[in-house]
Amino acid sequence: MTRALRIALFSAVAASTLAFALPLAAQAPHAIETQADEAQCVAQPAPVCTAELALKAAREEPEGWAATAAFEAFIANDPDLAARDRWMARYEAWAQVATVDGIRDRIVPVRAEHLARKGDFAGAYRELGLDKPQPDTLSEPSVLILDEARTGRIRDTLPRVERLVESDSRDDLRLEILEIALARAPAEADAVEATIRDRFTRRMAQALRAGARGDPAISRSIDEWARGARANQTAPFDDPDTARRDAWDMVLRGAIAANNLDGFRQALAARPAFSTPADAEGASKILRILMREGRAEWITAFGPALKLPEGEAVSVDEDIGPMRNLPADRLAAVARVAEATGRSRGAIVDTAVEMLVARGSVAEARDVFVSLGRLDELNRVTFDQERIGVVFETLWRSIVGRGPQADIDAVAARITSQGAKDYMARVATLAQRMRDIAAGNKGEEPADDEWAIMLDVAIASGDPVLMTRIAAAMKDPGLRSTAFVQVTRNLWERAGR
């Protein structure tokens, strides 16, 4: 089994951590101290022991990626903040003896991120070598600076931008900080805007703040900028259309940041519709913000302005992960207003369904998919060539896992797509095999993709014993470790809900 396949199968667990771990190479086994009674843990699963079983399996994985993925998942997700410190200490101790190339360098950004999550930004900058008179040029400070700004420490970030960021990138970052300030610390907005020097960025800042205030006078300023761009294409806009489009998009984002729905509606009424290919990127950014924050009423207002030409579409996949943290009712509300966005409706509904499944709200995900017509649309498309097919596969695994049988049968009865029927039959076969394995009748080792389906079904069931038995039955140590990480995270999340 290749490492790439492992990552593809369990990307929900280790996508962020494994991406960094790819270059690592190692000798096996790894010297990781673990404290777990496997038989006891399988009989009475709890995160404290399933996490140890993940590390126990990682000891046997030869390349080192499973250990780094497990440690980093626990450092980032353990709800016990004190336990995160202990995970970090164990990761560092292991790195001192690990036969993994580059692991000591890898520890540095992980430790910095850990300190930042704790609010110790001074420590995080120090770890990255950004506190020196001559900062480490290989360190990228922008993400850390924005994270610090989101905690409300706006003024602390301004000298960091001046000292740590390349001169041609500073004003772009200051504009992002200004948007954060309008949302989290409005009193600091003047201080941020005063640091912006570039003429183009100053105008974007004006537009952002006008949107926050709901100031209709910005319309005249944008018209003047457009006339200036037509007369002189050198600065600060390339052309009048860009002047209008970019400035109005910032007005809308300013209204969102300040939670000014009336100002948002006024700006939409004044802005030309999103009707050209060049509008797609700006529309996508605005829609993703509204989806991430669960702003159903705002999406209803925004939808009629989306008039992109045939062949153009908004993209809602990038930077959408935080949406899964929304309550189920807000995710469902976003899906239910998607009709207002026209051709973007399907992508919004499908994303909401995926987020509902990810947070364990299976009944809500099923109801949204069926009641909003996506099941009927599934029956009309070529199953394996459309994104809706992938969404249905994710949903169906969770429906089968959660049950009850009456709900499974009710959805199945409405499926006419042959591709969907074939997939449902496969899941039914694997669900029975999952039960056999949990009962101790494993037989031949399943293929990697079969394990992935069985683990998804087991986790959707909400039965800790079932999911732990399936993870424990996996022969490959890397796959087994990653499965135990997924089980551990699920147990933490269920306890939190």
Foldseek 3Di string as FASTA:
>chain_A
DDPVVLCVLQVVQQVVQLVVVVVKAAAAQADADADEDLVVCLVPPALNHLLRLLCVLNRGAGRNSSNRSSLLSCLPFVPPLVVNVVSLVSLQVSLVVGRMPPSVVVSLQSVLVSCVVVVNNVVSCVSQQNVDQDRDLVDDCLVSLLSNLLVVPLVVSLVSLVRPPDPVCSLVSLLSSLLSCLQRPVVCNVVSLVVHDFPVSNLLSVLLQCLLVLPPVVLVVLVVVQVVCCVPCPPDHNHSVCSQLSSLLSSLSSVVSNVPLVSNLVSLVSGQACAELVSQASLQVSVLVCLLVLPLVSCLSNQVSQRYDPPGHHDNPPPNVSSLVDDLVSLLSNLVSLVSNPPCNVVSLLVSLVSCVVLLVLVSSVCSCVVVCVQVVCQVDQLVPDVSNVSVLLSLLLDLLQDDPVVNVVSVVSHDRPVSVVSNVVLVVLCVQLVCQLVPNNPDADDPSSLSSSLSSNLSNVDLSSNSSSLVPHDNSSSSSSSSSVSSSSSSSVVVD
